[in-house]
């Protein structure tokens, strides 16, 4: 597991390569956040779960998701598909407007994928405790 300071340090190493990482790091250094140390699962299991959720969001709840939100989600899943990691660590960082989902290789702590969802959608998910 990574603690919050370790996550910030690892994100700082990736900031040049990824504008989403830069946005996440900028936000978490400016705002109070809620950090969840997360869970450890197989990459296939996480990919399957979030792919299923994305398909459902597009099919049944497209009216409440922003295009850039869905684009971020799709890019994150594309990166997760490309990953060779078998076991992943999933952290979440919730800011005033967004929740960033960070998928790390559990062996090397390399950031494999990141995407965000707005808090509007997450409030509904929280009720079911299924982020």
N, C-alpha and C. Protein backbone atom coordinates (compact mmCIF):
# COMPACT_ATOMS: atom_id res chain seq x y z
N UNK A 1 0.84 -1.19 0.00
CA UNK A 1 0.00 0.00 0.00
C UNK A 1 0.88 1.25 0.00
N UNK A 2 0.37 2.27 -0.64
CA UNK A 2 1.05 3.56 -0.66
C UNK A 2 0.32 4.53 0.26
N UNK A 3 1.09 5.33 1.00
CA UNK A 3 0.43 6.38 1.77
C UNK A 3 0.36 7.64 0.90
N UNK A 4 -0.31 8.66 1.39
CA UNK A 4 -0.58 9.86 0.60
C UNK A 4 0.71 10.55 0.14
N UNK A 5 1.69 10.66 1.01
CA UNK A 5 2.95 11.31 0.64
C UNK A 5 3.69 10.53 -0.45
N UNK A 6 3.65 9.21 -0.37
CA UNK A 6 4.26 8.38 -1.42
C UNK A 6 3.55 8.57 -2.74
N UNK A 7 2.23 8.63 -2.72
CA UNK A 7 1.47 8.85 -3.95
C UNK A 7 1.87 10.19 -4.57
N UNK A 8 1.94 11.23 -3.77
CA UNK A 8 2.34 12.55 -4.30
C UNK A 8 3.74 12.49 -4.91
N UNK A 9 4.65 11.82 -4.24
CA UNK A 9 6.03 11.70 -4.74
C UNK A 9 6.07 10.95 -6.07
N UNK A 10 5.34 9.84 -6.16
CA UNK A 10 5.32 9.07 -7.41
C UNK A 10 4.61 9.83 -8.52
N UNK A 11 3.56 10.56 -8.20
CA UNK A 11 2.87 11.37 -9.22
C UNK A 11 3.80 12.46 -9.75
N UNK A 12 4.59 13.04 -8.86
CA UNK A 12 5.51 14.11 -9.27
C UNK A 12 6.50 13.61 -10.31
N UNK A 13 6.87 12.34 -10.25
CA UNK A 13 7.78 11.75 -11.24
C UNK A 13 7.13 11.61 -12.61
N UNK A 14 5.78 11.51 -12.65
CA UNK A 14 5.04 11.29 -13.89
C UNK A 14 4.44 12.57 -14.47
N UNK A 15 4.64 13.68 -13.80
CA UNK A 15 3.93 14.91 -14.16
C UNK A 15 4.26 15.40 -15.58
N UNK A 16 5.47 15.19 -16.04
CA UNK A 16 5.87 15.68 -17.37
C UNK A 16 5.21 14.91 -18.50
N UNK A 17 4.88 13.67 -18.26
CA UNK A 17 4.37 12.80 -19.31
C UNK A 17 2.85 12.79 -19.45
N UNK A 18 2.14 13.36 -18.49
CA UNK A 18 0.70 13.17 -18.47
C UNK A 18 -0.02 14.40 -17.91
N UNK A 19 -0.79 15.10 -18.74
CA UNK A 19 -1.51 16.28 -18.25
C UNK A 19 -2.53 15.95 -17.16
N UNK A 20 -3.10 14.76 -17.19
CA UNK A 20 -4.06 14.38 -16.16
C UNK A 20 -3.35 14.22 -14.81
N UNK A 21 -2.15 13.68 -14.83
CA UNK A 21 -1.37 13.56 -13.59
C UNK A 21 -1.03 14.95 -13.07
N UNK A 22 -0.66 15.85 -13.97
CA UNK A 22 -0.36 17.23 -13.57
C UNK A 22 -1.58 17.88 -12.92
N UNK A 23 -2.75 17.71 -13.54
CA UNK A 23 -3.97 18.27 -12.97
C UNK A 23 -4.29 17.69 -11.61
N UNK A 24 -4.11 16.40 -11.47
CA UNK A 24 -4.36 15.75 -10.19
C UNK A 24 -3.40 16.28 -9.13
N UNK A 25 -2.12 16.32 -9.46
CA UNK A 25 -1.12 16.77 -8.48
C UNK A 25 -1.33 18.24 -8.12
N UNK A 26 -1.63 19.09 -9.11
CA UNK A 26 -1.91 20.50 -8.83
C UNK A 26 -3.08 20.64 -7.87
N UNK A 27 -4.12 19.88 -8.12
CA UNK A 27 -5.33 19.96 -7.30
C UNK A 27 -5.07 19.49 -5.88
N UNK A 28 -4.39 18.37 -5.74
CA UNK A 28 -4.20 17.83 -4.38
C UNK A 28 -3.19 18.63 -3.56
N UNK A 29 -2.37 19.45 -4.22
CA UNK A 29 -1.47 20.31 -3.45
C UNK A 29 -2.15 21.61 -3.05
N UNK A 30 -3.26 21.97 -3.71
CA UNK A 30 -3.98 23.20 -3.41
C UNK A 30 -5.17 23.01 -2.49
N UNK A 31 -5.76 21.82 -2.50
CA UNK A 31 -7.02 21.60 -1.80
C UNK A 31 -6.88 20.53 -0.72
N UNK A 32 -7.86 20.57 0.18
CA UNK A 32 -7.98 19.44 1.10
C UNK A 32 -8.59 18.29 0.31
N UNK A 33 -8.13 17.10 0.58
CA UNK A 33 -8.60 15.94 -0.16
C UNK A 33 -8.92 14.80 0.81
N UNK A 34 -9.68 13.85 0.29
CA UNK A 34 -9.90 12.60 1.01
C UNK A 34 -9.13 11.55 0.24
N UNK A 35 -8.21 10.90 0.93
CA UNK A 35 -7.36 9.89 0.31
C UNK A 35 -7.75 8.52 0.84
N UNK A 36 -7.97 7.60 -0.08
CA UNK A 36 -8.23 6.21 0.30
C UNK A 36 -7.05 5.36 -0.14
N UNK A 37 -6.47 4.66 0.81
CA UNK A 37 -5.33 3.81 0.49
C UNK A 37 -5.68 2.75 -0.53
N UNK A 38 -6.93 2.37 -0.58
CA UNK A 38 -7.39 1.54 -1.67
C UNK A 38 -7.38 0.05 -1.43
N UNK A 39 -7.37 -0.62 -2.57
CA UNK A 39 -7.46 -2.08 -2.58
C UNK A 39 -6.40 -2.66 -3.52
N UNK A 40 -6.10 -3.92 -3.30
CA UNK A 40 -5.19 -4.64 -4.19
C UNK A 40 -5.99 -5.75 -4.84
N UNK A 41 -6.00 -5.75 -6.16
CA UNK A 41 -6.75 -6.74 -6.95
C UNK A 41 -5.96 -7.06 -8.20
N UNK A 42 -6.38 -8.10 -8.89
CA UNK A 42 -5.74 -8.41 -10.17
C UNK A 42 -6.12 -7.33 -11.18
N UNK A 43 -5.22 -7.08 -12.11
CA UNK A 43 -5.48 -6.10 -13.16
C UNK A 43 -6.72 -6.49 -13.96
N UNK A 44 -6.84 -7.76 -14.26
CA UNK A 44 -7.98 -8.26 -15.04
C UNK A 44 -9.30 -7.99 -14.31
N UNK A 45 -9.31 -8.22 -13.01
CA UNK A 45 -10.51 -7.99 -12.21
C UNK A 45 -10.90 -6.51 -12.21
N UNK A 46 -9.93 -5.63 -12.00
CA UNK A 46 -10.21 -4.19 -12.00
C UNK A 46 -10.63 -3.70 -13.38
N UNK A 47 -9.94 -4.19 -14.39
CA UNK A 47 -10.28 -3.81 -15.76
C UNK A 47 -11.70 -4.24 -16.09
N UNK A 48 -12.04 -5.44 -15.75
CA UNK A 48 -13.38 -5.96 -16.02
C UNK A 48 -14.45 -5.13 -15.29
N UNK A 49 -14.21 -4.83 -14.04
CA UNK A 49 -15.16 -4.06 -13.25
C UNK A 49 -15.38 -2.67 -13.82
N UNK A 50 -14.28 -1.94 -14.08
CA UNK A 50 -14.43 -0.55 -14.55
C UNK A 50 -14.86 -0.49 -16.01
N UNK A 51 -14.54 -1.49 -16.79
CA UNK A 51 -15.04 -1.56 -18.15
C UNK A 51 -16.57 -1.77 -18.13
N UNK A 52 -17.02 -2.67 -17.27
CA UNK A 52 -18.46 -2.91 -17.11
C UNK A 52 -19.17 -1.63 -16.67
N UNK A 53 -18.59 -0.93 -15.71
CA UNK A 53 -19.21 0.31 -15.23
C UNK A 53 -19.25 1.38 -16.31
N UNK A 54 -18.20 1.47 -17.11
CA UNK A 54 -18.19 2.44 -18.20
C UNK A 54 -19.28 2.12 -19.23
N UNK A 55 -19.38 0.86 -19.60
CA UNK A 55 -20.42 0.46 -20.56
C UNK A 55 -21.81 0.78 -20.02
N UNK A 56 -22.04 0.53 -18.75
CA UNK A 56 -23.33 0.86 -18.15
C UNK A 56 -23.56 2.37 -18.10
N UNK A 57 -22.52 3.12 -17.79
CA UNK A 57 -22.65 4.57 -17.76
C UNK A 57 -23.04 5.11 -19.14
N UNK A 58 -22.42 4.57 -20.17
CA UNK A 58 -22.73 5.02 -21.53
C UNK A 58 -24.12 4.59 -21.97
N UNK A 59 -24.53 3.43 -21.53
CA UNK A 59 -25.82 2.90 -21.98
C UNK A 59 -27.00 3.48 -21.19
N UNK A 60 -26.87 3.59 -19.88
CA UNK A 60 -28.01 3.94 -19.05
C UNK A 60 -27.93 5.33 -18.41
N UNK A 61 -26.73 5.89 -18.33
CA UNK A 61 -26.60 7.15 -17.59
C UNK A 61 -25.81 8.20 -18.37
N UNK A 62 -25.84 8.11 -19.68
CA UNK A 62 -25.05 9.00 -20.52
C UNK A 62 -25.39 10.47 -20.27
N UNK A 63 -26.61 10.74 -19.88
CA UNK A 63 -27.05 12.12 -19.68
C UNK A 63 -26.39 12.81 -18.49
N UNK A 64 -25.84 12.08 -17.55
CA UNK A 64 -25.24 12.73 -16.38
C UNK A 64 -23.72 12.80 -16.42
N UNK A 65 -23.10 12.16 -17.41
CA UNK A 65 -21.64 12.19 -17.50
C UNK A 65 -21.19 13.21 -18.53
N UNK A 66 -20.15 13.93 -18.20
CA UNK A 66 -19.54 14.86 -19.14
C UNK A 66 -18.72 14.09 -20.17
N UNK A 67 -18.62 14.61 -21.36
CA UNK A 67 -17.82 13.96 -22.40
C UNK A 67 -16.37 13.79 -21.96
N UNK A 68 -15.80 14.83 -21.38
CA UNK A 68 -14.39 14.74 -20.95
C UNK A 68 -14.21 13.71 -19.83
N UNK A 69 -15.25 13.53 -19.04
CA UNK A 69 -15.22 12.52 -17.98
C UNK A 69 -15.17 11.11 -18.58
N UNK A 70 -16.03 10.86 -19.55
CA UNK A 70 -16.03 9.55 -20.23
C UNK A 70 -14.74 9.33 -21.00
N UNK A 71 -14.22 10.40 -21.63
CA UNK A 71 -12.95 10.29 -22.36
C UNK A 71 -11.81 9.92 -21.40
N UNK A 72 -11.80 10.54 -20.23
CA UNK A 72 -10.78 10.23 -19.23
C UNK A 72 -10.88 8.77 -18.79
N UNK A 73 -12.10 8.33 -18.57
CA UNK A 73 -12.36 6.95 -18.15
C UNK A 73 -11.88 5.98 -19.22
N UNK A 74 -12.22 6.26 -20.49
CA UNK A 74 -11.80 5.37 -21.59
C UNK A 74 -10.29 5.32 -21.73
N UNK A 75 -9.63 6.48 -21.63
CA UNK A 75 -8.17 6.52 -21.73
C UNK A 75 -7.54 5.73 -20.58
N UNK A 76 -8.08 5.89 -19.39
CA UNK A 76 -7.58 5.13 -18.25
C UNK A 76 -7.69 3.63 -18.46
N UNK A 77 -8.83 3.20 -19.00
CA UNK A 77 -9.01 1.77 -19.26
C UNK A 77 -8.10 1.29 -20.39
N UNK A 78 -7.90 2.12 -21.41
CA UNK A 78 -6.95 1.76 -22.47
C UNK A 78 -5.56 1.53 -21.91
N UNK A 79 -5.14 2.42 -21.01
CA UNK A 79 -3.82 2.26 -20.38
C UNK A 79 -3.77 1.02 -19.50
N UNK A 80 -4.86 0.73 -18.84
CA UNK A 80 -4.92 -0.46 -18.00
C UNK A 80 -4.83 -1.73 -18.85
N UNK A 81 -5.45 -1.71 -20.03
CA UNK A 81 -5.37 -2.85 -20.95
C UNK A 81 -3.93 -3.08 -21.42
N UNK A 82 -3.19 -2.00 -21.60
CA UNK A 82 -1.81 -2.09 -22.10
C UNK A 82 -0.82 -2.53 -21.01
N UNK A 83 -1.22 -2.39 -19.79
CA UNK A 83 -0.33 -2.72 -18.67
C UNK A 83 0.01 -4.21 -18.66
N UNK A 84 1.21 -4.50 -18.26
CA UNK A 84 1.64 -5.89 -18.10
C UNK A 84 1.58 -6.34 -16.64
N UNK A 85 1.19 -5.43 -15.76
CA UNK A 85 1.10 -5.76 -14.34
C UNK A 85 0.02 -6.80 -14.11
N UNK A 86 0.29 -7.72 -13.24
CA UNK A 86 -0.72 -8.72 -12.89
C UNK A 86 -1.57 -8.27 -11.72
N UNK A 87 -0.92 -7.66 -10.74
CA UNK A 87 -1.60 -7.22 -9.53
C UNK A 87 -1.51 -5.70 -9.45
N UNK A 88 -2.66 -5.07 -9.17
CA UNK A 88 -2.73 -3.62 -9.14
C UNK A 88 -3.16 -3.13 -7.76
N UNK A 89 -2.71 -1.94 -7.44
CA UNK A 89 -3.18 -1.20 -6.27
C UNK A 89 -4.03 -0.07 -6.80
N UNK A 90 -5.24 0.07 -6.31
CA UNK A 90 -6.14 1.14 -6.71
C UNK A 90 -6.30 2.10 -5.55
N UNK A 91 -5.89 3.36 -5.75
CA UNK A 91 -6.12 4.43 -4.78
C UNK A 91 -7.17 5.37 -5.34
N UNK A 92 -7.84 6.07 -4.45
CA UNK A 92 -8.70 7.16 -4.89
C UNK A 92 -8.37 8.41 -4.09
N UNK A 93 -8.42 9.52 -4.80
CA UNK A 93 -8.19 10.82 -4.18
C UNK A 93 -9.37 11.70 -4.56
N UNK A 94 -10.11 12.09 -3.55
CA UNK A 94 -11.31 12.90 -3.79
C UNK A 94 -11.02 14.36 -3.44
N UNK A 95 -11.29 15.23 -4.41
CA UNK A 95 -11.12 16.68 -4.22
C UNK A 95 -12.52 17.29 -4.15
N UNK A 96 -12.60 18.61 -4.18
CA UNK A 96 -13.91 19.26 -4.09
C UNK A 96 -14.78 18.97 -5.31
N UNK A 97 -14.17 18.74 -6.48
CA UNK A 97 -14.94 18.54 -7.71
C UNK A 97 -14.80 17.16 -8.34
N UNK A 98 -13.70 16.51 -8.07
CA UNK A 98 -13.40 15.25 -8.77
C UNK A 98 -12.90 14.18 -7.82
N UNK A 99 -12.99 12.97 -8.32
CA UNK A 99 -12.33 11.86 -7.67
C UNK A 99 -11.40 11.23 -8.70
N UNK A 100 -10.13 11.20 -8.38
CA UNK A 100 -9.13 10.58 -9.25
C UNK A 100 -8.96 9.13 -8.82
N UNK A 101 -8.98 8.23 -9.78
CA UNK A 101 -8.73 6.82 -9.54
C UNK A 101 -7.37 6.49 -10.12
N UNK A 102 -6.48 6.01 -9.28
CA UNK A 102 -5.10 5.75 -9.66
C UNK A 102 -4.80 4.26 -9.56
N UNK A 103 -4.34 3.70 -10.65
CA UNK A 103 -4.05 2.26 -10.73
C UNK A 103 -2.54 2.08 -10.82
N UNK A 104 -1.96 1.46 -9.82
CA UNK A 104 -0.52 1.27 -9.71
C UNK A 104 -0.16 -0.19 -9.90
N UNK A 105 0.99 -0.44 -10.53
CA UNK A 105 1.58 -1.77 -10.52
C UNK A 105 1.97 -2.05 -9.08
N UNK A 106 1.43 -3.10 -8.50
CA UNK A 106 1.67 -3.35 -7.08
C UNK A 106 3.10 -3.80 -6.77
N UNK A 107 3.83 -4.23 -7.77
CA UNK A 107 5.22 -4.64 -7.55
C UNK A 107 6.19 -3.47 -7.65
N UNK A 108 6.01 -2.63 -8.67
CA UNK A 108 6.96 -1.55 -8.92
C UNK A 108 6.46 -0.17 -8.50
N UNK A 109 5.17 -0.06 -8.19
CA UNK A 109 4.51 1.21 -7.89
C UNK A 109 4.63 2.22 -9.02
N UNK A 110 4.65 1.68 -10.24
CA UNK A 110 4.54 2.54 -11.43
C UNK A 110 3.06 2.82 -11.65
N UNK A 111 2.75 4.08 -11.96
CA UNK A 111 1.38 4.43 -12.27
C UNK A 111 1.04 3.88 -13.64
N UNK A 112 0.06 2.99 -13.70
CA UNK A 112 -0.32 2.34 -14.95
C UNK A 112 -1.50 3.05 -15.61
N UNK A 113 -2.40 3.61 -14.81
CA UNK A 113 -3.58 4.27 -15.37
C UNK A 113 -4.14 5.24 -14.35
N UNK A 114 -4.79 6.27 -14.87
CA UNK A 114 -5.46 7.26 -14.02
C UNK A 114 -6.68 7.76 -14.80
N UNK A 115 -7.77 7.95 -14.10
CA UNK A 115 -8.90 8.67 -14.67
C UNK A 115 -9.67 9.34 -13.55
N UNK A 116 -10.59 10.20 -13.92
CA UNK A 116 -11.36 10.93 -12.92
C UNK A 116 -12.85 10.82 -13.22
N UNK A 117 -13.61 10.97 -12.16
CA UNK A 117 -15.06 11.09 -12.23
C UNK A 117 -15.46 12.30 -11.41
N UNK A 118 -16.53 12.95 -11.79
CA UNK A 118 -16.98 14.10 -11.02
C UNK A 118 -17.67 13.63 -9.75
N UNK A 119 -17.68 14.48 -8.77
CA UNK A 119 -18.31 14.14 -7.51
C UNK A 119 -19.82 13.95 -7.65
N UNK A 120 -20.41 14.57 -8.66
CA UNK A 120 -21.85 14.39 -8.90
C UNK A 120 -22.18 12.91 -9.09
N UNK A 121 -21.39 12.24 -9.91
CA UNK A 121 -21.62 10.82 -10.16
C UNK A 121 -21.19 9.97 -8.97
N UNK A 122 -20.14 10.39 -8.31
CA UNK A 122 -19.63 9.60 -7.20
C UNK A 122 -20.55 9.60 -6.00
N UNK A 123 -21.31 10.66 -5.84
CA UNK A 123 -22.26 10.70 -4.73
C UNK A 123 -23.25 9.54 -4.86
N UNK A 124 -23.72 9.30 -6.05
CA UNK A 124 -24.64 8.17 -6.28
C UNK A 124 -23.93 6.85 -6.04
N UNK A 125 -22.69 6.73 -6.47
CA UNK A 125 -21.94 5.49 -6.27
C UNK A 125 -21.65 5.25 -4.78
N UNK A 126 -21.36 6.32 -4.06
CA UNK A 126 -21.07 6.20 -2.63
C UNK A 126 -22.24 5.58 -1.87
N UNK A 127 -23.43 5.92 -2.30
CA UNK A 127 -24.61 5.38 -1.63
C UNK A 127 -24.64 3.86 -1.69
N UNK A 128 -24.04 3.35 -2.75
CA UNK A 128 -23.96 1.89 -2.90
C UNK A 128 -22.60 1.35 -2.47
N UNK A 129 -21.70 2.26 -2.04
CA UNK A 129 -20.35 1.88 -1.60
C UNK A 129 -19.65 1.02 -2.64
N UNK A 130 -19.69 1.47 -3.90
CA UNK A 130 -19.11 0.63 -4.95
C UNK A 130 -18.15 1.37 -5.87
N UNK A 131 -17.36 2.25 -5.31
CA UNK A 131 -16.32 2.90 -6.12
C UNK A 131 -15.26 1.88 -6.34
